[in-house]
Amino acid sequence: MTFAAQYLQERLRFLLLEMIFALIFGIVFYLYHLPLSAVLYPAILCTLLGTACLGSSMYRDYRKHKLLTELKALRGNVLESELPVPVAAEEQDYQEIIRSLCMERRTLEEHHAEAYQEMIDYFTIWVHQIKTPIASMRLNLESEDSRLSQRLKSDLLHMEHYVEMVLTYIKMGAESTDYVFAEVSLDKIVRENIRKLRGDFIIKKLRLVYEPTAATVVSDEKWLSFVIEQLLSNALKYTSEGSISIFVENPGTLCICDTGIGIAPEDLPRIFERGYTGTNGRRDKHASGLGLFLCKEICRCLGAEITVSSQVGAGTTVKIALHNEPPKILRN
């Protein structure tokens, strides 16, 4: 609905009331056998004058409406400084309410920022502290080469990964993160994660099919490594036999394929949602539903695109389309 139509609709009662007044005058003049021209001419003059006043009022209200529309895009102190000078007591009251709400919002934002920073500091310290006993347990297991020690080393690796996932999840809510874009080698990142997860390959007796490539991309090495580690962990978690393949298709598209249990068709559209575990996660009982969500968010910040295709009982393929320049949001 246009502004003019809405304006007239809001004042329809007054317009109808004016027409009723004119009609009453006409009926009274008619009953007293007075000439109708005596009421017709004043009615026409009043209509012209009223139309002019209505148009002037509509123009003033339209300018005010346009100004308020522009103010909707402003926030905080800028909004308060751009408020127009009130011309009526009602407008002044509304502006006082706006200023009060802006002040309350600033206070809440400051309290939230302080609480959030305290939480970040706490979990950062906790992550570093928990790594000490994990490293100690790993060191004690280095002297053993039994199947039990291999299993314990694998569990410790998963524990470290979950600890890092906690910190990553919290950092994803920050206004800025420590992204450092540079030209990185995909081979280097993939090899480091294969070496880190080699114990799971050995325990599960899975075949690794890896085709090294000289591909390089512009990305953040630390965050991209987290994504690849998470995807490899998922592949290992849901693959009990067969193989896991890692290769690059087309320039800068990393593919991770497994022969695992696959993902149900009804779960595929929702696998990147926060906390969504799907059929496999509910069966596993330990899934958090955060791994793929974090991968999706990190890829978005890296300017990459992650896609998943899967078939139940046949395996899953994850593709990460990387680029040779930082995302626009971080270049500007």
Protein backbone atom coordinates (compact mmCIF):
# COMPACT_ATOMS: atom_id res chain seq x y z
CA MET A 1 0.00 0.00 0.00
CA THR A 2 1.33 3.44 -0.97
CA PHE A 3 1.87 6.14 1.62
CA ALA A 4 -0.95 8.32 0.18
CA ALA A 5 -3.47 5.45 0.29
CA GLN A 6 -2.47 4.58 3.85
CA TYR A 7 -2.65 8.24 4.88
CA LEU A 8 -6.19 8.64 3.48
CA GLN A 9 -7.29 5.34 5.00
CA GLU A 10 -6.14 6.46 8.46
CA ARG A 11 -8.17 9.68 8.10
CA LEU A 12 -11.20 8.15 6.44
CA ARG A 13 -13.39 8.70 9.52
CA PHE A 14 -12.76 12.45 9.50
CA LEU A 15 -13.40 12.70 5.77
CA LEU A 16 -16.69 10.85 6.15
CA LEU A 17 -17.62 13.07 9.11
CA GLU A 18 -17.07 16.20 6.99
CA MET A 19 -19.29 14.75 4.24
CA ILE A 20 -22.00 13.95 6.81
CA PHE A 21 -21.88 17.55 8.11
CA ALA A 22 -22.31 18.90 4.58
CA LEU A 23 -25.20 16.48 4.01
CA ILE A 24 -26.91 17.60 7.24
CA PHE A 25 -26.68 21.24 6.16
CA GLY A 26 -28.14 20.33 2.76
CA ILE A 27 -31.06 18.44 4.30
CA VAL A 28 -31.83 21.28 6.76
CA PHE A 29 -31.77 23.89 3.98
CA TYR A 30 -34.02 21.69 1.85
CA LEU A 31 -36.56 21.21 4.65
CA TYR A 32 -36.71 24.96 5.25
CA HIS A 33 -37.10 25.55 1.51
CA LEU A 34 -33.90 27.57 1.40
CA PRO A 35 -31.87 27.73 -1.83
CA LEU A 36 -29.32 24.86 -1.93
CA SER A 37 -26.80 27.17 -3.55
CA ALA A 38 -26.45 28.83 -0.16
CA VAL A 39 -24.89 25.63 1.17
CA LEU A 40 -23.38 24.34 -2.09
CA TYR A 41 -21.02 27.23 -2.68
CA PRO A 42 -19.63 27.26 0.90
CA ALA A 43 -19.29 23.47 0.71
CA ILE A 44 -17.23 23.76 -2.49
CA LEU A 45 -15.01 26.46 -0.96
CA CYS A 46 -14.56 24.41 2.21
CA THR A 47 -13.76 21.33 0.12
CA LEU A 48 -11.08 23.20 -1.83
CA LEU A 49 -9.61 24.66 1.34
CA GLY A 50 -9.77 21.30 3.11
CA THR A 51 -8.11 19.56 0.14
CA ALA A 52 -5.27 22.10 0.22
CA CYS A 53 -4.80 21.62 3.96
CA LEU A 54 -5.00 17.86 3.57
CA GLY A 55 -2.36 17.91 0.82
CA SER A 56 -0.08 20.10 2.91
CA SER A 57 -0.51 17.82 5.94
CA MET A 58 0.12 14.74 3.76
CA TYR A 59 3.34 16.27 2.42
CA ARG A 60 4.62 17.06 5.93
CA ASP A 61 3.77 13.56 7.13
CA TYR A 62 5.42 12.05 4.06
CA ARG A 63 8.66 13.90 4.78
CA LYS A 64 8.49 12.73 8.37
CA HIS A 65 7.81 9.16 7.19
CA LYS A 66 10.80 9.29 4.83
CA LEU A 67 13.04 10.60 7.60
CA LEU A 68 11.91 7.87 10.01
CA THR A 69 12.52 5.24 7.33
CA GLU A 70 16.11 6.47 7.01
CA LEU A 71 16.52 6.51 10.79
CA LYS A 72 15.52 2.83 11.01
CA ALA A 73 18.89 1.90 9.52
CA LEU A 74 20.80 3.82 12.20
CA ARG A 75 21.89 2.42 15.54
CA GLY A 76 22.95 3.65 18.96
CA ASN A 77 24.47 7.12 19.32
CA VAL A 78 24.05 7.90 15.62
CA LEU A 79 20.30 7.36 15.89
CA GLU A 80 20.02 9.63 18.91
CA SER A 81 21.98 12.44 17.25
CA GLU A 82 19.92 12.27 14.04
CA LEU A 83 16.48 12.52 15.65
CA PRO A 84 14.53 15.51 14.27
CA VAL A 85 13.54 18.46 16.42
CA PRO A 86 10.17 17.60 18.00
CA VAL A 87 7.30 19.87 16.97
CA ALA A 88 4.75 18.48 19.43
CA ALA A 89 4.71 17.18 22.98
CA GLU A 90 3.86 13.69 21.73
CA GLU A 91 6.93 13.59 19.48
CA GLN A 92 9.11 14.73 22.37
CA ASP A 93 7.73 11.93 24.54
CA TYR A 94 8.49 9.36 21.84
CA GLN A 95 12.04 10.66 21.46
CA GLU A 96 12.59 10.39 25.19
CA ILE A 97 11.45 6.77 25.04
CA ILE A 98 13.86 6.11 22.15
CA ARG A 99 16.77 7.66 24.05
CA SER A 100 15.92 5.63 27.13
CA LEU A 101 15.81 2.40 25.09
CA CYS A 102 19.11 3.24 23.38
CA MET A 103 20.76 3.81 26.74
CA GLU A 104 19.39 0.53 28.07
CA ARG A 105 20.63 -1.25 24.97
CA ARG A 106 24.14 0.16 25.35
CA THR A 107 24.21 -0.99 28.97
CA LEU A 108 23.10 -4.50 28.00
CA GLU A 109 25.67 -4.65 25.19
CA GLU A 110 28.45 -3.61 27.57
CA HIS A 111 27.41 -6.24 30.13
CA HIS A 112 27.15 -8.88 27.41
CA ALA A 113 30.59 -7.99 26.02
CA GLU A 114 32.14 -8.24 29.49
CA ALA A 115 30.46 -11.59 30.22
CA TYR A 116 31.42 -12.93 26.80
CA GLN A 117 35.06 -11.90 27.23
CA GLU A 118 35.16 -13.50 30.68
CA MET A 119 33.83 -16.73 29.17
CA ILE A 120 36.41 -16.63 26.37
CA ASP A 121 39.21 -16.04 28.89
CA TYR A 122 37.98 -18.87 31.11
CA PHE A 123 37.72 -21.44 28.33
CA THR A 124 41.04 -20.35 26.83
CA ILE A 125 42.73 -21.02 30.17
CA TRP A 126 40.77 -24.26 30.56
CA VAL A 127 41.86 -25.49 27.13
CA HIS A 128 45.51 -24.87 27.94
CA GLN A 129 45.18 -26.49 31.36
CA ILE A 130 43.41 -29.61 30.09
CA LYS A 131 46.08 -30.10 27.44
CA THR A 132 48.71 -30.63 30.14
CA PRO A 133 47.29 -33.91 31.57
CA ILE A 134 46.46 -35.07 28.03
CA ALA A 135 50.07 -34.50 26.95
CA SER A 136 51.26 -36.27 30.09
CA MET A 137 49.09 -39.33 29.39
CA ARG A 138 50.27 -39.38 25.77
CA LEU A 139 53.90 -39.25 26.93
CA ASN A 140 53.33 -42.17 29.30
CA LEU A 141 51.86 -44.20 26.43
CA GLU A 142 54.74 -43.55 24.06
CA SER A 143 56.80 -46.34 25.61
CA GLU A 144 54.09 -48.91 24.87
CA ASP A 145 53.08 -50.33 21.50
CA SER A 146 50.15 -52.55 22.35
CA ARG A 147 46.66 -52.51 20.89
CA LEU A 148 45.39 -50.99 24.13
CA SER A 149 47.94 -48.16 23.99
CA GLN A 150 46.98 -47.46 20.38
CA ARG A 151 43.34 -47.25 21.38
CA LEU A 152 44.15 -44.94 24.29
CA LYS A 153 46.26 -42.70 22.03
CA SER A 154 43.34 -42.50 19.62
CA ASP A 155 40.98 -41.58 22.46
CA LEU A 156 43.39 -38.89 23.65
CA LEU A 157 43.54 -37.49 20.14
CA HIS A 158 39.75 -37.31 20.01
CA MET A 159 39.74 -35.64 23.41
CA GLU A 160 42.15 -32.98 22.16
CA HIS A 161 39.96 -32.47 19.10
CA TYR A 162 36.83 -32.01 21.21
CA VAL A 163 38.65 -29.52 23.43
CA GLU A 164 39.66 -27.52 20.37
CA MET A 165 36.08 -27.75 19.09
CA VAL A 166 34.81 -26.13 22.29
CA LEU A 167 37.18 -23.19 21.91
CA THR A 168 36.42 -22.90 18.18
CA TYR A 169 32.69 -22.89 18.83
CA ILE A 170 33.04 -20.04 21.32
CA LYS A 171 35.34 -18.06 19.03
CA MET A 172 32.85 -18.32 16.17
CA GLY A 173 30.56 -15.99 18.12
CA ALA A 174 33.18 -13.27 18.34
CA GLU A 175 32.93 -10.15 16.18
CA SER A 176 36.38 -10.85 14.73
CA THR A 177 38.63 -13.87 14.63
CA ASP A 178 42.31 -14.33 13.99
CA TYR A 179 42.14 -15.07 10.27
CA VAL A 180 45.49 -14.73 8.53
CA PHE A 181 45.21 -15.30 4.79
CA ALA A 182 48.20 -16.52 2.87
CA GLU A 183 49.05 -18.96 0.11
CA VAL A 184 49.02 -22.43 1.67
CA SER A 185 49.73 -25.89 0.35
CA LEU A 186 46.81 -28.32 0.52
CA ASP A 187 49.27 -31.24 0.62
CA LYS A 188 50.92 -29.89 3.76
CA ILE A 189 47.62 -29.52 5.64
CA VAL A 190 46.27 -32.88 4.49
CA ARG A 191 49.48 -34.74 5.37
CA GLU A 192 49.58 -33.21 8.85
CA ASN A 193 46.03 -34.35 9.56
CA ILE A 194 46.62 -37.82 8.13
CA ARG A 195 49.65 -38.14 10.38
CA LYS A 196 47.60 -36.98 13.35
CA LEU A 197 44.81 -39.50 12.67
CA ARG A 198 46.98 -42.40 11.51
CA GLY A 199 46.19 -44.33 14.68
CA ASP A 200 42.49 -44.52 13.76
CA PHE A 201 43.35 -45.79 10.28
CA ILE A 202 45.49 -48.53 11.83
CA ILE A 203 42.92 -49.53 14.49
CA LYS A 204 40.06 -49.70 11.99
CA LYS A 205 42.26 -51.21 9.25
CA LEU A 206 40.98 -48.72 6.71
CA ARG A 207 42.75 -48.12 3.43
CA LEU A 208 43.86 -44.57 2.72
CA VAL A 209 43.75 -43.46 -0.90
CA TYR A 210 45.57 -40.19 -1.14
CA GLU A 211 46.64 -38.48 -4.33
CA PRO A 212 49.18 -35.72 -3.55
CA THR A 213 48.88 -32.55 -5.58
CA ALA A 214 50.79 -29.33 -5.93
CA ALA A 215 47.62 -27.30 -5.47
CA THR A 216 47.86 -24.13 -3.41
CA VAL A 217 45.06 -21.89 -2.22
CA VAL A 218 44.75 -18.57 -0.42
CA SER A 219 43.29 -19.36 2.98
CA ASP A 220 43.97 -19.44 6.71
CA GLU A 221 46.06 -22.52 7.43
CA LYS A 222 44.93 -23.03 11.03
CA TRP A 223 41.19 -22.75 10.37
CA LEU A 224 41.33 -24.76 7.15
CA SER A 225 43.25 -27.47 9.00
CA PHE A 226 40.49 -27.60 11.63
CA VAL A 227 37.88 -28.16 8.91
CA ILE A 228 39.87 -30.93 7.23
CA GLU A 229 40.56 -32.65 10.56
CA GLN A 230 36.87 -32.53 11.46
CA LEU A 231 35.85 -34.01 8.10
CA LEU A 232 38.46 -36.76 8.33
CA SER A 233 37.35 -37.54 11.90
CA ASN A 234 33.74 -37.85 10.71
CA ALA A 235 34.80 -40.13 7.87
CA LEU A 236 36.76 -42.35 10.27
CA LYS A 237 33.95 -42.33 12.82
CA TYR A 238 31.28 -43.58 10.42
CA THR A 239 33.42 -45.92 8.30
CA SER A 240 34.03 -49.42 9.66
CA GLU A 241 35.48 -51.04 6.53
CA GLY A 242 36.69 -50.05 3.09
CA SER A 243 38.65 -46.90 2.41
CA ILE A 244 38.86 -43.14 2.72
CA SER A 245 39.97 -41.19 -0.35
CA ILE A 246 41.43 -37.69 -0.39
CA PHE A 247 42.03 -35.92 -3.70
CA VAL A 248 41.70 -32.59 -5.48
CA GLU A 249 39.28 -32.23 -8.36
CA ASN A 250 39.34 -29.13 -10.50
CA PRO A 251 41.50 -26.25 -9.30
CA GLY A 252 41.15 -25.85 -5.56
CA THR A 253 38.34 -28.32 -4.78
CA LEU A 254 39.35 -30.73 -2.02
CA CYS A 255 37.34 -33.96 -1.87
CA ILE A 256 37.11 -36.43 1.02
CA CYS A 257 35.24 -39.65 0.20
CA ASP A 258 34.52 -42.60 2.44
CA THR A 259 32.78 -45.96 2.14
CA GLY A 260 30.92 -45.58 5.41
CA ILE A 261 27.30 -45.89 6.42
CA GLY A 262 26.25 -42.75 4.55
CA ILE A 263 23.67 -40.10 5.43
CA ALA A 264 19.93 -40.51 5.10
CA PRO A 265 18.35 -38.37 2.32
CA GLU A 266 16.04 -36.62 4.79
CA ASP A 267 19.06 -35.60 6.92
CA LEU A 268 21.19 -34.13 4.11
CA PRO A 269 19.44 -30.72 3.92
CA ARG A 270 19.93 -30.18 7.68
CA ILE A 271 23.41 -31.56 8.41
CA PHE A 272 24.93 -28.06 8.67
CA GLU A 273 22.38 -26.84 11.21
CA ARG A 274 23.61 -26.07 14.71
CA GLY A 275 23.02 -29.07 17.02
CA TYR A 276 21.40 -31.28 14.37
CA THR A 277 22.63 -34.87 14.77
CA GLY A 278 20.42 -36.75 12.31
CA THR A 279 19.74 -40.48 12.23
CA ASN A 280 23.40 -41.46 12.60
CA GLY A 281 23.97 -39.07 15.49
CA ARG A 282 20.95 -40.30 17.41
CA ARG A 283 22.13 -43.87 16.92
CA ASP A 284 25.66 -42.96 18.07
CA LYS A 285 24.36 -41.19 21.24
CA HIS A 286 27.58 -39.13 21.53
CA ALA A 287 27.23 -36.80 18.56
CA SER A 288 27.03 -33.08 19.40
CA GLY A 289 25.78 -31.79 16.06
CA LEU A 290 28.43 -29.05 16.11
CA GLY A 291 31.18 -30.46 13.87
CA LEU A 292 29.63 -29.80 10.46
CA PHE A 293 28.05 -26.58 11.71
CA LEU A 294 31.51 -25.26 12.61
CA CYS A 295 32.89 -26.45 9.27
CA LYS A 296 30.16 -24.57 7.41
CA GLU A 297 30.71 -21.36 9.40
CA ILE A 298 34.49 -21.49 9.04
CA CYS A 299 34.23 -22.15 5.30
CA ARG A 300 31.91 -19.16 4.99
CA CYS A 301 34.50 -16.96 6.72
CA LEU A 302 37.24 -18.42 4.53
CA GLY A 303 35.26 -17.67 1.38
CA ALA A 304 34.97 -21.39 0.62
CA GLU A 305 31.94 -23.51 -0.16
CA ILE A 306 31.36 -26.91 1.42
CA THR A 307 28.93 -29.44 -0.07
CA VAL A 308 28.03 -33.00 0.90
CA SER A 309 26.62 -35.84 -1.19
CA SER A 310 25.87 -39.23 0.30
CA GLN A 311 24.10 -42.54 -0.21
CA VAL A 312 23.05 -44.78 2.64
CA GLY A 313 25.29 -47.84 2.80
CA ALA A 314 27.59 -46.56 0.04
CA GLY A 315 29.46 -43.70 1.69
CA THR A 316 29.77 -39.93 1.77
CA THR A 317 31.65 -37.36 -0.30
CA VAL A 318 32.49 -33.92 1.05
CA LYS A 319 33.81 -31.21 -1.25
CA ILE A 320 35.42 -27.92 -0.23
CA ALA A 321 35.66 -25.40 -3.06
CA LEU A 322 38.54 -23.09 -2.17
CA HIS A 323 39.71 -19.94 -3.94
CA ASN A 324 42.93 -18.17 -4.74
CA GLU A 325 42.04 -14.90 -3.04
CA PRO A 326 40.59 -13.85 0.34
CA PRO A 327 36.80 -13.48 0.58
CA LYS A 328 35.41 -10.05 -0.34
CA ILE A 329 34.10 -9.45 3.18
CA LEU A 330 37.69 -9.53 4.49
CA ARG A 331 39.31 -7.75 1.55
CA ASN A 332 37.19 -4.62 1.84
